[in-house]
Amino acid sequence: MIVKTILIFLLTFLGYSEWFLGTSYVQRPIVLGPLVGLAMGDLTSGIIMGATLELAMIGSISVGAYNPPDPVAGTVLGVALAIQSHASVGAALTMGIPIATVMLALNTALGQPVMLIFIHKCDRDAAQANTRKFTVDMLISGWAQSWPGLVFIPLAFYFGSGAVEKMLNFIPDFVQSGMNIAAGILPALGFAMLLKMIVNKKNLLFFFFGFFIIAFTKFTVTEVAIFSFIIVAFMLFYIPENEENLSSKVSSSETDGDGFDEF
C-alpha cells in the first residue's frame, strides 16, 4: 500500500507539472488514467476509466478566467479508488467528477494565495536582477498553487481506499446500476459542452452526419475519423471555390496585416 501511495503521489506531481512541461496535456484523464492503472496493476481498467473520464471532461478546459474542475485529482483519485475497490467504470466517473470539483475549490482557496506570495518574491528578485532566486521562486510558485492536491490526493488514497471499498460493497445493486447509467450520460454532457463552443451552421451538418454513420453502420469511431479527414482534405484541395477562397485569404492577410504582424 505504501508503494502504491508513493506512485499515486508521483503521478499527481506529474499531472500538476503540466505548466512546466509546456502545455503537454499530461493532466488530461486520457493520459493519467492508463498511468494510474499501470501503477495499480490493472492497465486495462485504467485505460477504460481514463477514456471515460476524458469524454466527460472533454469540454472542461480553461478559457480566460474560467477554471474547470481539477482533472488531475478527479482522474488519479477516482481511478485509483475504483481499481483498488474493484469497482466499475461508473464508480470511477461518479467519484471522479465530485473529487475534481472539490479539489478545484481547495486549490483556488488554499493554493492560489501561496502562489501569489512567491509571485511577489519573483517581482522582488527581478527588481534585484537576481536570476537564480527568480528561477527558484518561479518554479516553487508553479507547484505551490496545487499544494492541496499534492498533499490530499495521496493521503485520501491511503486512508480512504478501505472506506470506499466498504461503501461500494454496501451500495445496493440498483444504485450501482444507476451509477453505470450516469457513466454513459456524462460523456454526452462533456461533448455538449464542447459543441457549445465550436458548433455553427457550417459544421453542424457534419456532426449529425458522423452521428448517423456510427448509429446505423458498423463503422468504428476511428474509421469515421479517417473518413472525415479524407472529406475535409477533398473539400480543401480539390474544390476550386475553397482553394480560391483560401488563397485570397492568405494573400490578403499578407498584404493588409491584422495588427499582430510582429508575432
Protein backbone atom coordinates (compact mmCIF):
# COMPACT_ATOMS: atom_id res chain seq x y z
CA MET A 1 0.00 0.00 0.00
CA ILE A 2 2.90 2.35 0.75
CA VAL A 3 4.39 1.73 -2.70
CA LYS A 4 1.06 2.44 -4.40
CA THR A 5 0.65 5.62 -2.39
CA ILE A 6 4.11 6.81 -3.45
CA LEU A 7 3.27 6.06 -7.08
CA ILE A 8 -0.01 7.96 -6.73
CA PHE A 9 1.92 10.95 -5.36
CA LEU A 10 4.38 10.83 -8.27
CA LEU A 11 1.55 10.68 -10.81
CA THR A 12 -0.19 13.56 -9.05
CA PHE A 13 3.04 15.55 -9.20
CA LEU A 14 3.34 14.74 -12.91
CA GLY A 15 -0.23 15.87 -13.55
CA TYR A 16 0.33 19.16 -11.74
CA SER A 17 3.55 19.70 -13.73
CA GLU A 18 1.66 20.38 -16.96
CA TRP A 19 2.52 24.09 -16.80
CA PHE A 20 6.22 23.21 -16.52
CA LEU A 21 6.14 20.77 -19.45
CA GLY A 22 4.85 23.31 -21.95
CA THR A 23 1.10 22.60 -22.25
CA SER A 24 1.67 18.91 -22.93
CA TYR A 25 -1.84 17.92 -21.75
CA VAL A 26 -0.32 15.38 -19.40
CA GLN A 27 -3.01 16.40 -16.90
CA ARG A 28 -5.84 15.03 -19.06
CA PRO A 29 -7.65 11.86 -17.91
CA ILE A 30 -6.83 10.01 -21.13
CA VAL A 31 -3.13 10.30 -20.20
CA LEU A 32 -3.28 9.95 -16.42
CA GLY A 33 -5.88 7.15 -16.41
CA PRO A 34 -3.65 4.50 -18.04
CA LEU A 35 -0.69 5.59 -15.88
CA VAL A 36 -2.78 5.16 -12.72
CA GLY A 37 -3.98 1.78 -13.98
CA LEU A 38 -0.37 0.76 -14.59
CA ALA A 39 0.59 1.84 -11.07
CA MET A 40 -2.36 -0.07 -9.61
CA GLY A 41 -1.59 -3.21 -11.61
CA ASP A 42 -4.66 -3.01 -13.87
CA LEU A 43 -3.72 -1.21 -17.08
CA THR A 44 -6.88 -2.23 -18.96
CA SER A 45 -9.21 -0.70 -16.36
CA GLY A 46 -7.04 2.41 -16.23
CA ILE A 47 -7.35 2.90 -19.99
CA ILE A 48 -11.12 2.40 -19.96
CA MET A 49 -11.72 4.62 -16.92
CA GLY A 50 -9.35 7.32 -18.17
CA ALA A 51 -11.02 7.40 -21.58
CA THR A 52 -14.47 7.60 -19.98
CA LEU A 53 -13.40 10.46 -17.71
CA GLU A 54 -11.86 12.21 -20.72
CA LEU A 55 -15.19 12.05 -22.54
CA ALA A 56 -16.93 13.55 -19.51
CA MET A 57 -14.33 16.32 -19.14
CA ILE A 58 -13.63 16.95 -22.82
CA GLY A 59 -15.35 20.33 -22.63
CA SER A 60 -13.76 21.26 -19.31
CA ILE A 61 -10.93 23.49 -20.48
CA SER A 62 -9.63 26.75 -19.07
CA VAL A 63 -10.84 29.72 -21.13
CA GLY A 64 -9.97 33.19 -19.85
CA ALA A 65 -10.64 33.43 -16.14
CA TYR A 66 -12.70 30.22 -16.07
CA ASN A 67 -11.13 27.32 -14.17
CA PRO A 68 -12.66 23.90 -14.87
CA PRO A 69 -12.86 21.09 -12.30
CA ASP A 70 -9.44 19.65 -11.47
CA PRO A 71 -8.89 16.73 -13.90
CA VAL A 72 -5.75 15.58 -12.07
CA ALA A 73 -7.49 14.95 -8.75
CA GLY A 74 -10.61 13.51 -10.39
CA THR A 75 -8.63 11.10 -12.54
CA VAL A 76 -5.88 9.99 -10.16
CA LEU A 77 -8.06 9.55 -7.10
CA GLY A 78 -11.21 8.39 -8.91
CA VAL A 79 -9.45 5.75 -11.00
CA ALA A 80 -7.16 4.62 -8.15
CA LEU A 81 -10.01 4.18 -5.66
CA ALA A 82 -12.20 2.44 -8.24
CA ILE A 83 -9.46 -0.05 -9.17
CA GLN A 84 -8.49 -0.59 -5.53
CA SER A 85 -12.12 -1.33 -4.68
CA HIS A 86 -12.68 -3.49 -7.80
CA ALA A 87 -15.49 -1.15 -8.82
CA SER A 88 -16.93 -0.43 -12.26
CA VAL A 89 -16.21 2.41 -14.68
CA GLY A 90 -19.34 4.14 -13.43
CA ALA A 91 -17.91 4.30 -9.92
CA ALA A 92 -14.71 5.93 -11.18
CA LEU A 93 -16.73 8.53 -13.05
CA THR A 94 -19.21 9.30 -10.30
CA MET A 95 -16.38 9.62 -7.78
CA GLY A 96 -14.04 11.49 -10.11
CA ILE A 97 -16.33 14.40 -11.02
CA PRO A 98 -17.13 15.46 -7.40
CA ILE A 99 -13.48 14.98 -6.38
CA ALA A 100 -12.40 17.23 -9.27
CA THR A 101 -14.88 19.92 -8.22
CA VAL A 102 -13.86 19.85 -4.55
CA MET A 103 -10.14 19.93 -5.38
CA LEU A 104 -10.67 22.93 -7.67
CA ALA A 105 -12.12 24.82 -4.69
CA LEU A 106 -9.24 23.77 -2.41
CA ASN A 107 -6.56 24.70 -4.92
CA THR A 108 -8.21 28.06 -5.51
CA ALA A 109 -8.80 28.91 -1.85
CA LEU A 110 -5.59 27.48 -0.37
CA GLY A 111 -3.16 27.13 -3.24
CA GLN A 112 -3.56 30.43 -5.09
CA PRO A 113 -2.67 32.65 -2.06
CA VAL A 114 0.56 30.68 -1.54
CA MET A 115 1.36 31.01 -5.23
CA LEU A 116 0.88 34.80 -5.04
CA ILE A 117 3.41 35.02 -2.20
CA PHE A 118 6.09 33.51 -4.43
CA ILE A 119 4.97 35.58 -7.42
CA HIS A 120 5.62 38.75 -5.40
CA LYS A 121 9.01 37.31 -4.45
CA CYS A 122 9.67 36.89 -8.17
CA ASP A 123 8.92 40.61 -8.62
CA ARG A 124 11.48 41.49 -5.96
CA ASP A 125 14.00 39.08 -7.47
CA ALA A 126 13.54 40.65 -10.89
CA ALA A 127 14.00 44.14 -9.42
CA GLN A 128 17.28 42.99 -7.88
CA ALA A 129 18.32 41.21 -11.11
CA ASN A 130 18.76 38.00 -9.14
CA THR A 131 18.04 35.47 -11.87
CA ARG A 132 18.86 32.44 -9.76
CA LYS A 133 16.37 33.28 -7.00
CA PHE A 134 13.84 34.35 -9.63
CA THR A 135 14.04 30.91 -11.27
CA VAL A 136 13.71 29.08 -7.96
CA ASP A 137 10.74 31.17 -6.80
CA MET A 138 9.06 30.84 -10.18
CA LEU A 139 9.33 27.04 -10.09
CA ILE A 140 8.08 26.89 -6.49
CA SER A 141 5.11 29.12 -7.32
CA GLY A 142 4.05 26.78 -10.13
CA TRP A 143 3.70 23.79 -7.82
CA ALA A 144 2.61 25.85 -4.81
CA GLN A 145 -0.70 26.65 -6.49
CA SER A 146 -1.53 22.92 -6.38
CA TRP A 147 -0.15 22.02 -2.97
CA PRO A 148 -3.58 20.91 -1.61
CA GLY A 149 -3.82 18.32 -4.36
CA LEU A 150 -0.25 17.15 -3.85
CA VAL A 151 -0.96 16.61 -0.15
CA PHE A 152 -4.58 15.45 -0.01
CA ILE A 153 -4.70 13.09 -3.02
CA PRO A 154 -2.08 10.59 -1.71
CA LEU A 155 -3.48 10.86 1.83
CA ALA A 156 -7.04 10.32 0.60
CA PHE A 157 -5.94 7.26 -1.33
CA TYR A 158 -4.01 5.79 1.60
CA PHE A 159 -6.66 6.35 4.27
CA GLY A 160 -9.77 6.30 2.10
CA SER A 161 -9.43 3.20 -0.07
CA GLY A 162 -10.69 0.86 2.65
CA ALA A 163 -13.64 3.11 3.45
CA VAL A 164 -14.52 3.46 -0.23
CA GLU A 165 -14.34 -0.30 -0.71
CA LYS A 166 -16.71 -0.89 2.22
CA MET A 167 -19.05 1.83 0.95
CA LEU A 168 -19.20 0.35 -2.55
CA ASN A 169 -19.86 -3.12 -1.19
CA PHE A 170 -22.71 -1.69 0.88
CA ILE A 171 -24.36 0.12 -2.06
CA PRO A 172 -27.39 -1.77 -3.42
CA ASP A 173 -27.32 -3.16 -6.96
CA PHE A 174 -29.90 -0.72 -8.31
CA VAL A 175 -27.77 2.24 -7.15
CA GLN A 176 -24.69 0.80 -8.86
CA SER A 177 -26.79 0.31 -12.00
CA GLY A 178 -27.71 3.99 -11.80
CA MET A 179 -24.03 4.87 -11.49
CA ASN A 180 -23.32 2.90 -14.67
CA ILE A 181 -26.13 4.73 -16.47
CA ALA A 182 -24.72 8.05 -15.29
CA ALA A 183 -21.36 6.97 -16.67
CA GLY A 184 -22.97 6.77 -20.08
CA ILE A 185 -24.75 10.13 -19.77
CA LEU A 186 -21.87 12.27 -18.50
CA PRO A 187 -19.71 11.79 -21.64
CA ALA A 188 -22.66 13.11 -23.66
CA LEU A 189 -22.66 16.15 -21.38
CA GLY A 190 -18.93 16.60 -22.00
CA PHE A 191 -19.47 16.56 -25.76
CA ALA A 192 -22.36 19.01 -25.38
CA MET A 193 -20.06 21.44 -23.53
CA LEU A 194 -17.50 21.13 -26.32
CA LEU A 195 -20.10 21.57 -29.07
CA LYS A 196 -21.42 24.69 -27.38
CA MET A 197 -18.04 26.33 -28.01
CA ILE A 198 -17.35 25.16 -31.58
CA VAL A 199 -20.64 24.33 -33.29
CA ASN A 200 -22.02 26.61 -36.02
CA LYS A 201 -24.12 26.38 -39.17
CA LYS A 202 -21.16 25.20 -41.24
CA ASN A 203 -20.10 22.19 -39.15
CA LEU A 204 -23.44 21.17 -37.60
CA LEU A 205 -24.31 19.06 -40.66
CA PHE A 206 -21.06 17.11 -40.35
CA PHE A 207 -21.76 16.41 -36.68
CA PHE A 208 -25.10 14.75 -37.44
CA PHE A 209 -23.60 13.00 -40.47
CA GLY A 210 -20.94 11.36 -38.27
CA PHE A 211 -23.53 10.52 -35.60
CA PHE A 212 -25.77 8.67 -38.05
CA ILE A 213 -22.82 6.78 -39.54
CA ILE A 214 -21.94 5.47 -36.07
CA ALA A 215 -25.59 4.79 -35.16
CA PHE A 216 -26.68 2.93 -38.30
CA THR A 217 -23.50 1.29 -39.58
CA LYS A 218 -20.77 -0.92 -38.18
CA PHE A 219 -18.10 1.78 -38.57
CA THR A 220 -15.88 2.43 -35.59
CA VAL A 221 -15.01 5.92 -34.34
CA THR A 222 -11.50 5.60 -35.81
CA GLU A 223 -12.87 4.68 -39.23
CA VAL A 224 -15.27 7.62 -39.18
CA ALA A 225 -12.42 9.95 -38.16
CA ILE A 226 -10.29 8.75 -41.10
CA PHE A 227 -13.25 9.09 -43.46
CA SER A 228 -13.89 12.63 -42.15
CA PHE A 229 -10.25 13.59 -42.69
CA ILE A 230 -10.49 12.46 -46.32
CA ILE A 231 -13.65 14.54 -46.84
CA VAL A 232 -12.01 17.64 -45.35
CA ALA A 233 -8.89 17.18 -47.47
CA PHE A 234 -11.02 16.77 -50.59
CA MET A 235 -13.04 19.92 -49.82
CA LEU A 236 -9.89 21.90 -49.10
CA PHE A 237 -7.70 20.89 -52.02
CA TYR A 238 -9.98 19.66 -54.80
CA ILE A 239 -12.94 22.07 -54.76
CA PRO A 240 -11.90 25.18 -56.73
CA GLU A 241 -14.05 27.62 -54.76
CA ASN A 242 -12.48 26.65 -51.42
CA GLU A 243 -9.00 26.76 -52.90
CA GLU A 244 -9.59 30.25 -54.31
CA ASN A 245 -11.05 31.49 -51.02
CA LEU A 246 -8.11 30.06 -49.08
CA SER A 247 -5.52 31.65 -51.37
CA SER A 248 -7.32 35.01 -51.30
CA LYS A 249 -7.44 34.98 -47.50
CA VAL A 250 -3.74 34.17 -47.29
CA SER A 251 -2.79 36.88 -49.77
CA SER A 252 -4.98 39.50 -48.07
CA SER A 253 -3.52 38.73 -44.65
CA GLU A 254 0.00 39.00 -46.05
CA THR A 255 -0.63 42.38 -47.69
CA ASP A 256 -3.05 44.09 -45.33
CA GLY A 257 -1.83 42.81 -41.95
CA ASP A 258 -4.03 42.28 -38.93
CA GLY A 259 -2.33 44.26 -36.18
CA PHE A 260 -0.29 41.29 -34.95
CA ASP A 261 2.39 41.17 -37.64
CA GLU A 262 5.15 41.20 -35.05
CA PHE A 263 4.06 37.70 -34.00
